Amino acid sequence: MASVLYQSIETLSRDKGIEPAVVVGAVEDAIALATRKYYKTQENMRAEMDRETGEIRAYVFKTVVETPEQIEDDINQMSLEQARELAPEVEVGGELRFYKDTTPLGRIAAQMAKQVIFQKVREAERDTVFNEYNHRAGEVLNATVKRLEPMDVIFDLGKAEARMPKREQSRLEQFAVGERVRVVLLRVDRAAKGPQVIVSRAAPALVQNLFQSEVPEIYDGTVTIRAIAREAGERTKIAVMSRDKDVDPVGACVGMKGMRVQSIIRELRGEKIDIIEFSEEITTFAEKALQPAKVSRVSITDLADKQIEVIVDDTQLSLAIGKKGQNVRLAAKLLQWKIDIKSEEEKRQEVESQMQAMSGGPTTPIEQVSELGETILEKLIAAGITTVEALADMTPEQLEEVPGIGEKTVEKISVAVRHYFGQYEEGEERPVPAISAASETAATEFEEGSMEKTPEAILAAEAGIGTAYEVNNLSSEDIADAEEAESASDAFSDNDAREERIELDNDSVDTLVDEAQENSDEGIDDGNDRG
């Protein structure tokens, strides 16, 4: 039957979760140390405990060497000849024990032994905790809230305490002492006071474990979780894939009327969860990962750096980015790709700027738009708009932001720019085309006979349309324009004639006045002569 002392050691071992042999060894080391301290000796000292009687005996041991010349330590070694005088059966390498009386050990020696025992037990306990949890990183454990500290939460794991730092907590969660929760084991840190077990409620592994517990298809492997991106207390995106074509992975995770996913959301204190179907095609996966936003198109911009470009409608841009960029950030984590998200308008402006850069960039001065008045030109130039192309790229909203430009002025600018580029809406009159520079050539060809002298050709030649080839291929609209030009030419000729007649009449009047003046002067001279 074991002694009372050994029974106490077994009880202590069970409470601390360590082996009884460790505690026995600690007791023996403590007695040996206290005995050597009492006798003030440097000899090798050991102690042994009898489990049956509970007696602890301390002894000095010396190692046996073959010859006296081989002795290096006179205190702890002795020759074979000396050893056989005490014990004839001893051999080289053996030990001789010399027991010491432990009866005189007093209170000081007992206190020292107590401290040594506690230290050895603590070290054994630390090693046990480290060996128990060090290889279980990423595992989900059931824990009980032991106490709440200002920044950390301390959990009881049964065999050890665990600490959950502030950064590993969800902002939605608050705990009460004694509450049972599930936590993820992150790591075990060796510290001076013992190993520190660090746990988390913000790790993605917690969500994965909850889905495995709530969704049977995930537990049996029919549906697999391919990726998880999580911001604890805010939102989680989880990508799932089915190995059975008849099983909908998203529907299996959601459950009937959302019962499965709702139970997980309750466990996470209301954290939002987006369940996405996984796809091997990165562009398709990106479209689903950015839900609830609708994506127009996805393109891979850099395959080596894993970078994609996502284009969305202007109304979907804020939804795709999410609050403080959360949606696109989680999608990038889920894909493990860099996402560059742009609206349709931003992409259009980017393409136009690239085309302008390739062509050297337009430099047409804004003064070329003749329909804009000087006042409008001054306002536009003051706002930094100096080219026609820059003016054409601006939206009505952007133009209204220019000081002094109102809604009516914007409409006037729009019409002037359209006219500058030769664009006319239905009902707008086009200006009469100027007579082409080839009119002289056309007249020459007409006189030489190379042009067919049809009525249309005669009319076109007189209006100065162009060469023989151009005249013979005239359309009805061109002929109408030519008739209008001819009428305008005739009108100008009549005006010139009238102006010539007016000029002639004015000359005649001037002549008559001069003649009358001369006659009057002659009459005056004759009168003077008579006088």
Protein backbone atom coordinates (compact mmCIF):
# COMPACT_ATOMS: atom_id res chain seq x y z
CA MET A 1 0.00 0.00 0.00
CA ALA A 2 1.28 3.40 -0.93
CA SER A 3 2.21 5.79 1.79
CA VAL A 4 0.18 8.86 2.68
CA LEU A 5 2.89 11.06 1.16
CA TYR A 6 2.75 9.29 -2.17
CA GLN A 7 -1.06 9.47 -2.21
CA SER A 8 -0.84 13.21 -1.70
CA ILE A 9 1.62 13.42 -4.57
CA GLU A 10 -0.80 11.56 -6.86
CA THR A 11 -3.63 13.92 -5.93
CA LEU A 12 -1.47 16.93 -6.68
CA SER A 13 -0.46 15.42 -10.00
CA ARG A 14 -4.07 14.94 -11.08
CA ASP A 15 -4.97 18.52 -10.14
CA LYS A 16 -2.04 19.97 -12.05
CA GLY A 17 -2.33 17.60 -14.96
CA ILE A 18 1.22 16.26 -14.65
CA GLU A 19 2.73 12.82 -14.09
CA PRO A 20 3.30 11.65 -10.44
CA ALA A 21 6.89 10.74 -11.30
CA VAL A 22 7.55 14.41 -12.02
CA VAL A 23 6.37 15.40 -8.54
CA VAL A 24 8.34 12.56 -6.92
CA GLY A 25 11.46 13.70 -8.73
CA ALA A 26 10.87 17.25 -7.54
CA VAL A 27 10.61 16.05 -3.92
CA GLU A 28 13.81 13.99 -4.18
CA ASP A 29 15.74 16.90 -5.70
CA ALA A 30 14.51 19.20 -2.95
CA ILE A 31 15.62 16.84 -0.16
CA ALA A 32 19.04 16.33 -1.79
CA LEU A 33 19.54 20.08 -2.10
CA ALA A 34 18.50 20.69 1.50
CA THR A 35 20.81 17.94 2.76
CA ARG A 36 23.83 19.28 0.89
CA LYS A 37 23.02 22.75 2.18
CA TYR A 38 22.84 21.46 5.75
CA TYR A 39 26.15 19.55 5.59
CA LYS A 40 27.82 22.31 3.58
CA THR A 41 29.48 19.88 1.17
CA GLN A 42 30.22 19.92 -2.56
CA GLU A 43 29.79 16.16 -2.92
CA ASN A 44 27.30 14.75 -5.40
CA MET A 45 24.07 14.37 -3.49
CA ARG A 46 20.94 12.40 -4.33
CA ALA A 47 17.74 11.43 -2.57
CA GLU A 48 15.23 8.61 -3.00
CA MET A 49 11.72 8.10 -1.71
CA ASP A 50 10.23 4.79 -0.72
CA ARG A 51 6.66 4.69 -2.10
CA GLU A 52 5.57 2.10 0.44
CA THR A 53 6.84 3.75 3.59
CA GLY A 54 7.14 7.34 2.36
CA GLU A 55 10.68 7.54 3.75
CA ILE A 56 13.11 9.84 1.93
CA ARG A 57 16.83 9.09 2.23
CA ALA A 58 19.69 11.27 1.01
CA TYR A 59 23.12 9.93 0.06
CA VAL A 60 26.46 10.93 -1.41
CA PHE A 61 27.72 8.87 -4.36
CA LYS A 62 31.25 8.46 -5.71
CA THR A 63 32.24 7.10 -9.10
CA VAL A 64 34.80 4.25 -9.26
CA VAL A 65 37.86 4.59 -11.58
CA GLU A 66 40.51 1.93 -12.26
CA THR A 67 43.72 3.55 -10.93
CA PRO A 68 44.51 6.44 -8.64
CA GLU A 69 46.16 8.25 -11.57
CA GLN A 70 42.78 8.49 -13.31
CA ILE A 71 41.14 10.36 -10.42
CA GLU A 72 40.29 13.93 -11.51
CA ASP A 73 37.95 14.84 -8.63
CA ASP A 74 39.03 13.62 -5.19
CA ILE A 75 35.64 14.49 -3.68
CA ASN A 76 33.43 12.62 -6.14
CA GLN A 77 35.77 9.87 -7.44
CA MET A 78 37.74 6.97 -5.87
CA SER A 79 40.03 4.19 -7.13
CA LEU A 80 38.93 0.60 -7.66
CA GLU A 81 41.24 -0.62 -4.88
CA GLN A 82 39.67 1.77 -2.36
CA ALA A 83 36.17 0.93 -3.49
CA ARG A 84 36.65 -2.84 -3.15
CA GLU A 85 37.72 -2.40 0.42
CA LEU A 86 34.21 -1.10 1.10
CA ALA A 87 32.31 -3.18 -1.46
CA PRO A 88 34.18 -6.18 -2.96
CA GLU A 89 31.65 -6.64 -5.84
CA VAL A 90 32.02 -3.13 -7.22
CA GLU A 91 33.42 -2.62 -10.78
CA VAL A 92 35.00 0.26 -12.66
CA GLY A 93 32.33 2.83 -13.54
CA GLY A 94 30.13 1.82 -10.64
CA GLU A 95 29.02 4.01 -7.77
CA LEU A 96 29.32 3.77 -4.04
CA ARG A 97 26.62 5.34 -1.87
CA PHE A 98 27.24 6.99 1.50
CA TYR A 99 23.91 7.77 3.20
CA LYS A 100 23.45 10.95 5.20
CA ASP A 101 21.26 11.39 8.24
CA THR A 102 18.32 13.68 7.36
CA THR A 103 16.97 13.79 10.89
CA PRO A 104 18.81 17.00 11.82
CA LEU A 105 17.29 18.92 8.90
CA GLY A 106 15.48 21.89 10.39
CA ARG A 107 12.84 24.41 9.38
CA ILE A 108 15.09 26.31 6.95
CA ALA A 109 15.94 23.16 5.06
CA ALA A 110 12.24 22.23 4.89
CA GLN A 111 11.30 25.67 3.56
CA MET A 112 13.98 25.39 0.89
CA ALA A 113 12.69 21.97 -0.08
CA LYS A 114 9.17 23.37 -0.36
CA GLN A 115 10.28 26.13 -2.74
CA VAL A 116 12.16 23.66 -4.90
CA ILE A 117 9.13 21.39 -5.08
CA PHE A 118 6.82 24.26 -6.14
CA GLN A 119 9.29 25.42 -8.78
CA LYS A 120 9.66 21.96 -10.25
CA VAL A 121 5.89 21.47 -10.32
CA ARG A 122 5.37 24.82 -12.08
CA GLU A 123 7.96 23.98 -14.72
CA ALA A 124 6.37 20.60 -15.27
CA GLU A 125 2.96 22.21 -15.54
CA ARG A 126 4.22 24.69 -18.15
CA ASP A 127 5.78 21.95 -20.22
CA THR A 128 2.54 19.99 -20.04
CA VAL A 129 0.49 22.96 -21.25
CA PHE A 130 2.89 23.71 -24.09
CA ASN A 131 2.99 20.10 -25.27
CA GLU A 132 -0.79 19.87 -25.02
CA TYR A 133 -1.70 22.89 -27.16
CA ASN A 134 1.34 23.74 -29.28
CA HIS A 135 0.43 21.31 -32.07
CA ARG A 136 -3.27 22.25 -32.10
CA ALA A 137 -3.02 25.66 -33.77
CA GLY A 138 -6.14 26.45 -35.83
CA GLU A 139 -8.34 24.08 -33.84
CA VAL A 140 -11.68 25.27 -32.46
CA LEU A 141 -12.02 24.72 -28.70
CA ASN A 142 -14.86 25.05 -26.21
CA ALA A 143 -13.94 27.55 -23.53
CA THR A 144 -15.52 29.21 -20.51
CA VAL A 145 -15.09 32.90 -19.76
CA LYS A 146 -13.04 33.04 -16.56
CA ARG A 147 -12.53 36.76 -16.12
CA LEU A 148 -12.71 40.02 -18.02
CA GLU A 149 -9.74 42.36 -18.13
CA PRO A 150 -9.68 45.93 -19.51
CA MET A 151 -8.39 44.82 -22.91
CA ASP A 152 -8.28 41.02 -22.85
CA VAL A 153 -10.68 38.20 -22.09
CA ILE A 154 -9.36 35.21 -20.11
CA PHE A 155 -10.83 31.78 -20.89
CA ASP A 156 -10.60 28.50 -19.04
CA LEU A 157 -9.75 25.64 -21.40
CA GLY A 158 -9.82 22.99 -18.68
CA LYS A 159 -6.11 22.24 -18.52
CA ALA A 160 -4.91 25.79 -18.99
CA GLU A 161 -5.95 29.40 -19.27
CA ALA A 162 -6.17 31.16 -22.61
CA ARG A 163 -5.99 34.86 -23.42
CA MET A 164 -7.90 36.63 -26.20
CA PRO A 165 -6.35 40.04 -27.07
CA LYS A 166 -8.41 43.01 -28.19
CA ARG A 167 -7.39 42.64 -31.84
CA GLU A 168 -8.75 39.07 -31.89
CA GLN A 169 -12.17 40.09 -30.63
CA SER A 170 -15.26 40.98 -32.65
CA ARG A 171 -16.62 44.46 -32.02
CA LEU A 172 -20.15 43.04 -31.86
CA GLU A 173 -19.40 40.64 -29.01
CA GLN A 174 -19.54 41.12 -25.25
CA PHE A 175 -19.00 38.32 -22.77
CA ALA A 176 -20.11 37.45 -19.26
CA VAL A 177 -18.17 35.44 -16.71
CA GLY A 178 -19.15 31.79 -16.91
CA GLU A 179 -20.37 31.99 -20.52
CA ARG A 180 -19.37 29.11 -22.79
CA VAL A 181 -18.15 30.03 -26.28
CA ARG A 182 -16.13 28.54 -29.11
CA VAL A 183 -12.70 29.99 -29.79
CA VAL A 184 -9.91 29.33 -32.30
CA LEU A 185 -6.49 28.40 -30.94
CA LEU A 186 -3.98 30.68 -32.65
CA ARG A 187 -0.65 29.83 -31.03
CA VAL A 188 1.18 29.09 -27.78
CA ASP A 189 3.80 31.62 -26.72
CA ARG A 190 6.60 30.72 -24.33
CA ALA A 191 6.95 33.43 -21.70
CA ALA A 192 8.86 33.90 -18.45
CA LYS A 193 5.73 33.26 -16.42
CA GLY A 194 4.82 30.22 -18.46
CA PRO A 195 3.27 29.41 -21.83
CA GLN A 196 0.56 31.80 -23.02
CA VAL A 197 -2.27 30.21 -25.01
CA ILE A 198 -3.64 32.81 -27.47
CA VAL A 199 -7.18 32.29 -28.81
CA SER A 200 -9.35 34.27 -31.22
CA ARG A 201 -12.96 34.90 -32.19
CA ALA A 202 -11.99 36.90 -35.30
CA ALA A 203 -10.19 34.16 -37.25
CA PRO A 204 -11.84 32.80 -40.45
CA ALA A 205 -11.37 29.28 -39.07
CA LEU A 206 -14.22 29.96 -36.62
CA VAL A 207 -16.67 30.59 -39.47
CA GLN A 208 -15.45 27.46 -41.26
CA ASN A 209 -15.98 25.36 -38.13
CA LEU A 210 -19.48 26.79 -37.63
CA PHE A 211 -20.44 25.90 -41.20
CA GLN A 212 -19.08 22.38 -40.74
CA SER A 213 -21.23 22.02 -37.64
CA GLU A 214 -24.41 23.42 -39.20
CA VAL A 215 -24.21 22.10 -42.80
CA PRO A 216 -24.17 18.29 -43.16
CA GLU A 217 -23.06 18.55 -46.79
CA ILE A 218 -19.87 20.31 -45.69
CA TYR A 219 -19.29 17.80 -42.88
CA ASP A 220 -19.52 14.79 -45.23
CA GLY A 221 -17.47 16.47 -47.99
CA THR A 222 -20.20 16.92 -50.60
CA VAL A 223 -19.75 20.70 -50.38
CA THR A 224 -16.30 22.12 -49.77
CA ILE A 225 -15.23 25.55 -48.57
CA ARG A 226 -12.64 26.91 -51.01
CA ALA A 227 -11.93 30.35 -49.53
CA ILE A 228 -12.98 32.62 -46.66
CA ALA A 229 -12.40 36.36 -46.25
CA ARG A 230 -13.50 37.91 -43.01
CA GLU A 231 -13.55 41.21 -41.17
CA ALA A 232 -14.81 40.24 -37.73
CA GLY A 233 -17.94 42.04 -36.64
CA GLU A 234 -18.57 43.45 -40.11
CA ARG A 235 -18.85 40.98 -42.98
CA THR A 236 -17.62 37.59 -44.14
CA LYS A 237 -17.43 36.26 -47.69
CA ILE A 238 -17.23 32.48 -48.10
CA ALA A 239 -16.75 30.65 -51.41
CA VAL A 240 -18.18 27.12 -51.61
CA MET A 241 -18.14 24.44 -54.30
CA SER A 242 -20.16 21.26 -54.74
CA ARG A 243 -18.69 17.92 -55.77
CA ASP A 244 -22.15 16.68 -56.72
CA LYS A 245 -23.76 18.42 -59.68
CA ASP A 246 -27.21 17.80 -58.17
CA VAL A 247 -26.35 19.70 -54.98
CA ASP A 248 -26.50 23.48 -54.94
CA PRO A 249 -23.61 24.59 -52.69
CA VAL A 250 -25.08 27.99 -51.88
CA GLY A 251 -28.52 26.59 -51.15
CA ALA A 252 -27.07 23.89 -48.91
CA CYS A 253 -25.26 26.50 -46.82
CA VAL A 254 -28.24 28.83 -46.62
CA GLY A 255 -30.68 26.08 -45.67
CA MET A 256 -34.45 26.05 -45.82
CA LYS A 257 -35.70 29.59 -45.23
CA GLY A 258 -32.13 30.52 -44.26
CA MET A 259 -32.20 28.50 -41.04
CA ARG A 260 -28.61 27.20 -41.30
CA VAL A 261 -26.92 30.49 -42.04
CA GLN A 262 -29.10 32.34 -39.52
CA SER A 263 -27.89 30.10 -36.70
CA ILE A 264 -24.29 30.92 -37.66
CA ILE A 265 -25.10 34.64 -37.79
CA ARG A 266 -26.57 34.41 -34.28
CA GLU A 267 -23.40 32.70 -33.04
CA LEU A 268 -21.37 35.58 -34.54
CA ARG A 269 -23.66 38.19 -32.93
CA GLY A 270 -25.20 39.44 -36.19
CA GLU A 271 -22.20 39.49 -38.51
CA LYS A 272 -23.20 39.63 -42.22
CA ILE A 273 -22.28 36.60 -44.34
CA ASP A 274 -22.09 36.45 -48.17
CA ILE A 275 -22.12 32.91 -49.57
CA ILE A 276 -20.61 32.73 -53.08
CA GLU A 277 -20.29 29.86 -55.49
CA PHE A 278 -16.65 29.19 -56.31
CA SER A 279 -15.45 29.18 -59.93
CA GLU A 280 -12.11 28.19 -61.42
CA GLU A 281 -12.51 30.98 -63.99
CA ILE A 282 -11.11 34.04 -62.26
CA THR A 283 -13.27 36.54 -64.18
CA THR A 284 -16.47 34.69 -63.29
CA PHE A 285 -15.34 34.29 -59.69
CA ALA A 286 -14.59 38.02 -59.49
CA GLU A 287 -18.10 38.91 -60.69
CA LYS A 288 -19.64 36.74 -57.97
CA ALA A 289 -17.20 37.90 -55.29
CA LEU A 290 -18.24 41.55 -55.79
CA GLN A 291 -21.90 40.81 -55.12
CA PRO A 292 -24.31 42.45 -54.44
CA ALA A 293 -22.91 44.86 -57.06
CA LYS A 294 -23.52 44.06 -60.74
CA VAL A 295 -20.31 43.90 -62.77
CA SER A 296 -20.23 44.96 -66.44
CA ARG A 297 -17.00 43.18 -67.40
CA VAL A 298 -13.79 41.81 -65.93
CA SER A 299 -10.40 41.64 -67.64
CA ILE A 300 -7.00 40.35 -66.54
CA THR A 301 -4.43 43.15 -66.69
CA ASP A 302 -1.40 41.38 -65.21
CA LEU A 303 -1.32 37.61 -64.94
CA ALA A 304 2.07 37.47 -63.22
CA ASP A 305 1.10 39.89 -60.44
CA LYS A 306 -2.47 38.53 -60.31
CA GLN A 307 -4.17 41.82 -61.09
CA ILE A 308 -7.59 42.26 -62.70
CA GLU A 309 -9.62 45.26 -63.83
CA VAL A 310 -13.34 45.38 -63.05
CA ILE A 311 -15.70 47.77 -64.85
CA VAL A 312 -19.08 48.54 -63.30
CA ASP A 313 -21.89 50.88 -64.17
CA ASP A 314 -21.66 54.39 -62.75
CA THR A 315 -24.61 53.68 -60.44
CA GLN A 316 -22.98 50.48 -59.15
CA LEU A 317 -19.55 51.90 -58.31
CA SER A 318 -20.25 52.81 -54.68
CA LEU A 319 -22.00 49.48 -54.09
CA ALA A 320 -19.09 47.53 -55.58
CA ILE A 321 -16.54 49.38 -53.45
CA GLY A 322 -18.64 49.08 -50.31
CA LYS A 323 -18.54 51.04 -47.07
CA LYS A 324 -14.96 52.24 -46.55
CA GLY A 325 -13.89 49.91 -49.38
CA GLN A 326 -14.95 46.81 -47.46
CA ASN A 327 -16.68 44.94 -50.31
CA VAL A 328 -13.81 45.18 -52.79
CA ARG A 329 -11.26 44.54 -50.02
CA LEU A 330 -12.95 41.29 -48.98
CA ALA A 331 -13.32 40.26 -52.63
CA ALA A 332 -9.59 40.77 -53.17
CA LYS A 333 -8.83 38.61 -50.12
CA LEU A 334 -11.20 35.94 -51.36
CA LEU A 335 -9.68 35.87 -54.85
CA GLN A 336 -6.07 36.42 -53.73
CA TRP A 337 -5.88 38.87 -56.67
CA LYS A 338 -5.48 42.64 -56.82
CA ILE A 339 -8.67 44.34 -58.01
CA ASP A 340 -8.72 47.68 -59.82
CA ILE A 341 -12.36 48.76 -59.97
CA LYS A 342 -13.56 51.56 -62.27
CA SER A 343 -16.83 53.00 -63.51
CA GLU A 344 -17.83 53.15 -67.18
CA GLU A 345 -17.21 56.90 -67.27
CA GLU A 346 -13.75 56.58 -65.72
CA LYS A 347 -12.83 53.88 -68.22
CA ARG A 348 -14.08 55.98 -71.13
CA GLN A 349 -12.03 58.97 -70.02
CA GLU A 350 -8.99 56.74 -69.56
CA VAL A 351 -9.32 55.34 -73.08
CA GLU A 352 -9.78 58.81 -74.55
CA SER A 353 -6.72 60.12 -72.72
CA GLN A 354 -4.69 57.18 -74.00
CA MET A 355 -5.84 57.83 -77.56
CA GLN A 356 -4.99 61.49 -77.21
CA ALA A 357 -1.56 60.62 -75.85
CA MET A 358 -0.95 58.29 -78.81
CA SER A 359 -1.98 60.97 -81.31
CA GLY A 360 0.14 63.63 -79.66
CA GLY A 361 -2.86 65.37 -78.09
CA PRO A 362 -5.21 67.93 -79.67
CA THR A 363 -4.21 71.56 -79.59
CA THR A 364 -7.07 73.27 -81.43
CA PRO A 365 -7.59 76.69 -79.77
CA ILE A 366 -11.07 77.33 -78.44
CA GLU A 367 -11.18 80.59 -80.39
CA GLN A 368 -11.78 78.48 -83.53
CA VAL A 369 -15.42 77.99 -82.46
CA SER A 370 -16.73 81.10 -84.17
CA GLU A 371 -20.27 80.83 -82.76
CA LEU A 372 -19.04 81.48 -79.20
CA GLY A 373 -19.05 85.12 -78.23
CA GLU A 374 -16.12 86.92 -76.69
CA THR A 375 -17.76 86.93 -73.26
CA ILE A 376 -18.22 83.16 -73.22
CA LEU A 377 -14.69 82.61 -74.54
CA GLU A 378 -13.24 84.77 -71.78
CA LYS A 379 -15.13 82.79 -69.10
CA LEU A 380 -14.04 79.44 -70.52
CA ILE A 381 -10.40 80.49 -70.87
CA ALA A 382 -10.43 81.85 -67.32
CA ALA A 383 -11.60 78.40 -66.16
CA GLY A 384 -8.65 76.73 -67.91
CA ILE A 385 -10.58 75.46 -70.95
CA THR A 386 -8.38 76.48 -73.86
CA THR A 387 -8.93 73.77 -76.50
CA VAL A 388 -11.97 72.68 -78.48
CA GLU A 389 -11.36 69.04 -77.56
CA ALA A 390 -11.35 69.78 -73.84
CA LEU A 391 -14.60 71.68 -74.24
CA ALA A 392 -16.18 68.81 -76.17
CA ASP A 393 -15.26 66.28 -73.44
CA MET A 394 -16.99 68.25 -70.69
CA THR A 395 -20.45 67.28 -69.47
CA PRO A 396 -23.22 69.86 -68.98
CA GLU A 397 -22.83 69.51 -65.22
CA GLN A 398 -19.13 70.30 -65.49
CA LEU A 399 -19.82 73.33 -67.68
CA GLU A 400 -22.37 74.69 -65.20
CA GLU A 401 -19.66 74.63 -62.52
CA VAL A 402 -17.71 77.26 -64.52
CA PRO A 403 -18.37 80.73 -63.04
CA GLY A 404 -20.77 82.74 -65.16
CA ILE A 405 -22.03 79.77 -67.22
CA GLY A 406 -25.74 79.01 -66.87
CA GLU A 407 -28.12 76.48 -68.36
CA LYS A 408 -28.87 78.54 -71.48
CA THR A 409 -25.19 79.25 -72.02
CA VAL A 410 -24.45 75.54 -71.75
CA GLU A 411 -27.01 74.83 -74.47
CA LYS A 412 -25.47 77.51 -76.66
CA ILE A 413 -21.99 76.06 -76.15
CA SER A 414 -23.25 72.57 -77.00
CA VAL A 415 -24.80 73.77 -80.27
CA ALA A 416 -21.65 75.72 -81.17
CA VAL A 417 -19.41 72.69 -80.58
CA ARG A 418 -21.67 70.46 -82.65
CA HIS A 419 -21.63 72.92 -85.50
CA TYR A 420 -17.84 73.17 -85.24
CA PHE A 421 -17.52 69.42 -85.77
CA GLY A 422 -20.09 69.48 -88.57
CA GLN A 423 -22.92 67.87 -86.60
CA TYR A 424 -26.46 69.17 -87.10
CA GLU A 425 -29.68 68.00 -85.56
CA GLU A 426 -32.84 67.44 -87.56
CA GLY A 427 -34.40 70.74 -88.62
CA GLU A 428 -31.18 72.75 -88.36
CA GLU A 429 -30.09 74.56 -91.54
CA ARG A 430 -26.65 73.82 -92.89
CA PRO A 431 -24.60 76.72 -94.30
CA VAL A 432 -24.26 76.97 -98.08
CA PRO A 433 -21.05 75.18 -99.09
CA ALA A 434 -18.32 77.44 -100.41
CA ILE A 435 -17.37 77.19 -104.07
CA SER A 436 -14.63 74.62 -104.34
CA ALA A 437 -11.11 75.45 -105.36
CA ALA A 438 -11.53 73.18 -108.39
CA SER A 439 -14.04 75.49 -110.09
CA GLU A 440 -11.42 76.75 -112.55
CA THR A 441 -10.50 73.18 -113.47
CA ALA A 442 -14.18 72.32 -113.93
CA ALA A 443 -14.72 75.32 -116.22
CA THR A 444 -11.66 74.40 -118.29
CA GLU A 445 -12.81 70.80 -118.69
CA PHE A 446 -16.28 72.00 -119.61
CA GLU A 447 -14.95 74.31 -122.35
CA GLU A 448 -12.56 71.69 -123.71
CA GLY A 449 -15.38 69.16 -123.99
CA SER A 450 -14.04 66.54 -121.56
CA MET A 451 -17.09 67.04 -119.37
CA GLU A 452 -20.44 65.75 -120.56
CA LYS A 453 -22.59 68.82 -121.30
CA THR A 454 -25.73 67.70 -119.54
CA PRO A 455 -28.00 70.37 -118.01
CA GLU A 456 -26.77 69.28 -114.57
CA ALA A 457 -23.14 69.49 -115.68
CA ILE A 458 -23.67 72.93 -117.21
CA LEU A 459 -25.26 74.11 -113.97
CA ALA A 460 -22.52 72.57 -111.85
CA ALA A 461 -19.76 73.99 -114.01
CA GLU A 462 -21.25 77.45 -113.82
CA ALA A 463 -21.48 77.09 -110.00
CA GLY A 464 -17.85 75.87 -109.84
CA ILE A 465 -18.50 72.42 -108.27
CA GLY A 466 -15.37 70.58 -109.32
CA THR A 467 -13.76 68.34 -111.92
CA ALA A 468 -15.47 66.41 -114.69
CA TYR A 469 -15.52 63.22 -112.62
CA GLU A 470 -17.07 65.04 -109.67
CA VAL A 471 -19.67 66.73 -111.88
CA ASN A 472 -20.73 63.54 -113.64
CA ASN A 473 -21.24 61.88 -110.21
CA LEU A 474 -23.29 64.67 -108.70
CA SER A 475 -26.27 63.74 -106.56
CA SER A 476 -29.59 65.51 -106.55
CA GLU A 477 -28.68 67.24 -103.28
CA ASP A 478 -25.43 68.53 -104.81
CA ILE A 479 -27.37 69.87 -107.80
CA ALA A 480 -29.84 71.61 -105.47
CA ASP A 481 -26.94 73.18 -103.63
CA ALA A 482 -25.51 74.30 -106.94
CA GLU A 483 -28.81 75.93 -107.93
CA GLU A 484 -28.89 77.76 -104.60
CA ALA A 485 -25.31 78.89 -105.18
CA GLU A 486 -26.19 80.09 -108.69
CA SER A 487 -29.17 82.05 -107.40
CA ALA A 488 -27.01 83.57 -104.73
CA SER A 489 -24.41 84.46 -107.38
CA ASP A 490 -27.05 86.12 -109.56
CA ALA A 491 -28.32 88.09 -106.60
CA PHE A 492 -24.84 89.29 -105.82
CA SER A 493 -24.39 90.28 -109.53
CA ASP A 494 -27.62 92.32 -109.51
CA ASN A 495 -26.52 94.06 -106.35
CA ASP A 496 -23.18 94.88 -107.94
CA ALA A 497 -24.97 96.30 -111.00
CA ARG A 498 -27.21 98.46 -108.88
CA GLU A 499 -24.24 99.70 -106.93
CA GLU A 500 -22.50 100.59 -110.22
CA ARG A 501 -25.57 102.51 -111.40
CA ILE A 502 -25.74 104.35 -108.12
CA GLU A 503 -22.08 105.20 -108.39
CA LEU A 504 -22.60 106.42 -111.97
CA ASP A 505 -25.57 108.55 -110.93
CA ASN A 506 -23.55 110.06 -108.16
CA ASP A 507 -20.78 110.89 -110.64
CA SER A 508 -23.29 112.56 -112.97
CA VAL A 509 -24.65 114.70 -110.16
CA ASP A 510 -21.17 115.70 -109.18
CA THR A 511 -20.41 116.65 -112.83
CA LEU A 512 -23.54 118.82 -113.11
CA VAL A 513 -22.75 120.57 -109.85
CA ASP A 514 -19.23 121.28 -111.02
CA GLU A 515 -20.47 122.67 -114.37
CA ALA A 516 -23.03 124.90 -112.65
CA GLN A 517 -20.38 126.18 -110.32
CA GLU A 518 -18.10 127.00 -113.26
CA ASN A 519 -20.93 128.83 -115.10
CA SER A 520 -21.71 130.80 -112.01
CA ASP A 521 -18.10 131.78 -111.62
CA GLU A 522 -17.93 132.91 -115.28
CA GLY A 523 -21.09 135.08 -114.87
CA ILE A 524 -19.62 136.78 -111.86
CA ASP A 525 -16.42 137.50 -113.73
CA ASP A 526 -18.32 138.99 -116.72
CA GLY A 527 -20.27 141.28 -114.41
CA ASN A 528 -17.17 142.55 -112.85
CA ASP A 529 -15.70 143.28 -116.25
CA ARG A 530 -18.70 145.32 -117.26
CA GLY A 531 -18.59 147.27 -114.09
